Amino acid sequence: MNRKPKLTIPTPAEDAAIARGMDADPDAVSLPTEEIRQMRPAIEVLERAIGKEKAEALVRRRGRPAKPAAERKVNQTLRIDPDVLEAYKATGSGWQTLMNDALRDYAAAHRMMPRR
């Protein structure tokens, strides 16, 4: 299932209300383009302030480590009958893995690929 929230674009009236709110906020600052150009990535600033090792620990990617390229899944568009897709989706979370396993078993059983 898609876990991404649906993107909602504000209406022009909502956009205007947001802009008025920003204008009224004394803490909101509009930065000049030149000041934005002078900004540096956090890693550069942190390295000078706290040292390279601590800076890398702060900015390193969180979560699961990336799999090696040979083990990564491939994004592929696949045309499937609607009833087959709905049957897999009806199994709940993990339906894509279930479908992948079924295709793998079929391919192995028909000697299209080696068994794992």
C-alpha atoms as a PDB file:
ATOM      1  CA  MET A   1       0.000   0.000   0.000  1.00  0.00           C
ATOM      2  CA  ASN A   2       1.156   3.548  -0.675  1.00  0.00           C
ATOM      3  CA  ARG A   3       2.246   5.137   2.592  1.00  0.00           C
ATOM      4  CA  LYS A   4       2.974   8.547   1.131  1.00  0.00           C
ATOM      5  CA  PRO A   5       0.424  11.193   2.070  1.00  0.00           C
ATOM      6  CA  LYS A   6      -1.506  12.713  -0.821  1.00  0.00           C
ATOM      7  CA  LEU A   7      -0.065  16.091  -1.747  1.00  0.00           C
ATOM      8  CA  THR A   8      -2.590  18.886  -1.341  1.00  0.00           C
ATOM      9  CA  ILE A   9      -1.893  22.118  -3.212  1.00  0.00           C
ATOM     10  CA  PRO A  10      -3.199  25.215  -1.412  1.00  0.00           C
ATOM     11  CA  THR A  11      -5.795  27.336  -3.175  1.00  0.00           C
ATOM     12  CA  PRO A  12      -4.807  30.909  -4.119  1.00  0.00           C
ATOM     13  CA  ALA A  13      -6.793  32.158  -1.092  1.00  0.00           C
ATOM     14  CA  GLU A  14      -4.968  29.732   1.230  1.00  0.00           C
ATOM     15  CA  ASP A  15      -1.653  30.702  -0.338  1.00  0.00           C
ATOM     16  CA  ALA A  16      -2.419  34.387   0.332  1.00  0.00           C
ATOM     17  CA  ALA A  17      -3.343  33.595   3.965  1.00  0.00           C
ATOM     18  CA  ILE A  18      -0.069  31.722   4.409  1.00  0.00           C
ATOM     19  CA  ALA A  19       1.883  34.655   2.951  1.00  0.00           C
ATOM     20  CA  ARG A  20       0.081  37.077   5.296  1.00  0.00           C
ATOM     21  CA  GLY A  21       0.951  34.844   8.244  1.00  0.00           C
ATOM     22  CA  MET A  22       4.622  34.810   7.244  1.00  0.00           C
ATOM     23  CA  ASP A  23       4.640  38.584   6.825  1.00  0.00           C
ATOM     24  CA  ALA A  24       3.121  39.010  10.297  1.00  0.00           C
ATOM     25  CA  ASP A  25       5.650  36.657  11.954  1.00  0.00           C
ATOM     26  CA  PRO A  26       8.464  38.739  13.487  1.00  0.00           C
ATOM     27  CA  ASP A  27      10.766  35.696  13.483  1.00  0.00           C
ATOM     28  CA  ALA A  28      10.348  35.028   9.762  1.00  0.00           C
ATOM     29  CA  VAL A  29      13.245  36.467   7.792  1.00  0.00           C
ATOM     30  CA  SER A  30      13.510  36.799   4.050  1.00  0.00           C
ATOM     31  CA  LEU A  31      17.078  36.102   2.997  1.00  0.00           C
ATOM     32  CA  PRO A  32      18.670  37.967   0.113  1.00  0.00           C
ATOM     33  CA  THR A  33      19.850  35.790  -2.777  1.00  0.00           C
ATOM     34  CA  GLU A  34      23.490  36.658  -2.088  1.00  0.00           C
ATOM     35  CA  GLU A  35      23.176  35.454   1.506  1.00  0.00           C
ATOM     36  CA  ILE A  36      21.649  32.184   0.319  1.00  0.00           C
ATOM     37  CA  ARG A  37      24.575  31.724  -2.115  1.00  0.00           C
ATOM     38  CA  GLN A  38      27.033  32.119   0.756  1.00  0.00           C
ATOM     39  CA  MET A  39      25.434  29.318   2.777  1.00  0.00           C
ATOM     40  CA  ARG A  40      27.418  26.107   3.101  1.00  0.00           C
ATOM     41  CA  PRO A  41      26.296  22.504   3.636  1.00  0.00           C
ATOM     42  CA  ALA A  42      26.001  21.507   7.297  1.00  0.00           C
ATOM     43  CA  ILE A  43      28.881  19.013   7.050  1.00  0.00           C
ATOM     44  CA  GLU A  44      31.315  21.787   6.068  1.00  0.00           C
ATOM     45  CA  VAL A  45      30.318  24.045   8.946  1.00  0.00           C
ATOM     46  CA  LEU A  46      30.157  21.232  11.492  1.00  0.00           C
ATOM     47  CA  GLU A  47      33.603  19.899  10.561  1.00  0.00           C
ATOM     48  CA  ARG A  48      35.141  23.254  11.429  1.00  0.00           C
ATOM     49  CA  ALA A  49      33.103  23.597  14.618  1.00  0.00           C
ATOM     50  CA  ILE A  50      33.268  20.106  16.152  1.00  0.00           C
ATOM     51  CA  GLY A  51      35.676  18.056  14.046  1.00  0.00           C
ATOM     52  CA  LYS A  52      35.301  15.730  11.106  1.00  0.00           C
ATOM     53  CA  GLU A  53      34.450  12.530  13.045  1.00  0.00           C
ATOM     54  CA  LYS A  54      31.684  14.079  15.135  1.00  0.00           C
ATOM     55  CA  ALA A  55      30.292  15.965  12.137  1.00  0.00           C
ATOM     56  CA  GLU A  56      30.069  12.774  10.067  1.00  0.00           C
ATOM     57  CA  ALA A  57      28.287  11.028  12.947  1.00  0.00           C
ATOM     58  CA  LEU A  58      25.716  13.833  13.063  1.00  0.00           C
ATOM     59  CA  VAL A  59      24.972  13.956   9.345  1.00  0.00           C
ATOM     60  CA  ARG A  60      25.285  10.281   8.411  1.00  0.00           C
ATOM     61  CA  ARG A  61      22.259   8.666   6.883  1.00  0.00           C
ATOM     62  CA  ARG A  62      19.918   7.051   9.345  1.00  0.00           C
ATOM     63  CA  GLY A  63      17.886   3.894   8.872  1.00  0.00           C
ATOM     64  CA  ARG A  64      18.790   0.715   7.088  1.00  0.00           C
ATOM     65  CA  PRO A  65      22.052   0.692   5.166  1.00  0.00           C
ATOM     66  CA  ALA A  66      21.682   0.516   1.397  1.00  0.00           C
ATOM     67  CA  LYS A  67      21.937  -2.953  -0.092  1.00  0.00           C
ATOM     68  CA  PRO A  68      24.738  -3.712  -2.544  1.00  0.00           C
ATOM     69  CA  ALA A  69      23.727  -2.989  -6.154  1.00  0.00           C
ATOM     70  CA  ALA A  70      23.415  -6.700  -6.988  1.00  0.00           C
ATOM     71  CA  GLU A  71      20.833  -7.214  -4.203  1.00  0.00           C
ATOM     72  CA  ARG A  72      18.640  -4.174  -4.844  1.00  0.00           C
ATOM     73  CA  LYS A  73      15.161  -4.507  -6.274  1.00  0.00           C
ATOM     74  CA  VAL A  74      14.458  -3.148  -9.744  1.00  0.00           C
ATOM     75  CA  ASN A  75      11.616  -0.709 -10.329  1.00  0.00           C
ATOM     76  CA  GLN A  76       9.600  -2.079 -13.256  1.00  0.00           C
ATOM     77  CA  THR A  77       6.210  -1.275 -14.736  1.00  0.00           C
ATOM     78  CA  LEU A  78       4.206  -4.474 -15.112  1.00  0.00           C
ATOM     79  CA  ARG A  79       0.768  -4.920 -16.646  1.00  0.00           C
ATOM     80  CA  ILE A  80      -1.361  -7.239 -14.517  1.00  0.00           C
ATOM     81  CA  ASP A  81      -5.038  -8.177 -14.693  1.00  0.00           C
ATOM     82  CA  PRO A  82      -7.009  -6.108 -12.166  1.00  0.00           C
ATOM     83  CA  ASP A  83      -8.427  -9.168 -10.395  1.00  0.00           C
ATOM     84  CA  VAL A  84      -4.939 -10.613  -9.845  1.00  0.00           C
ATOM     85  CA  LEU A  85      -3.651  -7.320  -8.480  1.00  0.00           C
ATOM     86  CA  GLU A  86      -6.629  -6.923  -6.148  1.00  0.00           C
ATOM     87  CA  ALA A  87      -6.177 -10.494  -4.878  1.00  0.00           C
ATOM     88  CA  TYR A  88      -2.585  -9.744  -3.872  1.00  0.00           C
ATOM     89  CA  LYS A  89      -3.437  -6.343  -2.407  1.00  0.00           C
ATOM     90  CA  ALA A  90      -6.206  -7.960  -0.368  1.00  0.00           C
ATOM     91  CA  THR A  91      -3.554  -9.968   1.506  1.00  0.00           C
ATOM     92  CA  GLY A  92      -2.503  -6.711   3.185  1.00  0.00           C
ATOM     93  CA  SER A  93       0.911  -5.254   3.858  1.00  0.00           C
ATOM     94  CA  GLY A  94       3.683  -7.156   2.085  1.00  0.00           C
ATOM     95  CA  TRP A  95       1.640  -8.044  -0.984  1.00  0.00           C
ATOM     96  CA  GLN A  96       4.466  -6.976  -3.323  1.00  0.00           C
ATOM     97  CA  THR A  97       6.913  -9.306  -1.588  1.00  0.00           C
ATOM     98  CA  LEU A  98       4.330 -12.086  -1.780  1.00  0.00           C
ATOM     99  CA  MET A  99       3.933 -11.490  -5.521  1.00  0.00           C
ATOM    100  CA  ASN A 100       7.717 -11.392  -5.985  1.00  0.00           C
ATOM    101  CA  ASP A 101       8.070 -14.714  -4.123  1.00  0.00           C
ATOM    102  CA  ALA A 102       5.335 -16.322  -6.263  1.00  0.00           C
ATOM    103  CA  LEU A 103       7.065 -15.189  -9.465  1.00  0.00           C
ATOM    104  CA  ARG A 104      10.420 -16.433  -8.145  1.00  0.00           C
ATOM    105  CA  ASP A 105       8.940 -19.854  -7.257  1.00  0.00           C
ATOM    106  CA  TYR A 106       7.318 -20.145 -10.697  1.00  0.00           C
ATOM    107  CA  ALA A 107      10.539 -19.178 -12.500  1.00  0.00           C
ATOM    108  CA  ALA A 108      12.580 -21.651 -10.438  1.00  0.00           C
ATOM    109  CA  ALA A 109      10.032 -24.461 -10.899  1.00  0.00           C
ATOM    110  CA  HIS A 110      10.108 -23.945 -14.665  1.00  0.00           C
ATOM    111  CA  ARG A 111      13.899 -23.788 -14.722  1.00  0.00           C
ATOM    112  CA  MET A 112      13.901 -20.195 -15.882  1.00  0.00           C
ATOM    113  CA  MET A 113      16.401 -19.380 -13.126  1.00  0.00           C
ATOM    114  CA  PRO A 114      18.383 -21.277 -10.507  1.00  0.00           C
ATOM    115  CA  ARG A 115      16.735 -22.056  -7.169  1.00  0.00           C
ATOM    116  CA  ARG A 116      17.942 -20.051  -4.178  1.00  0.00           C
END
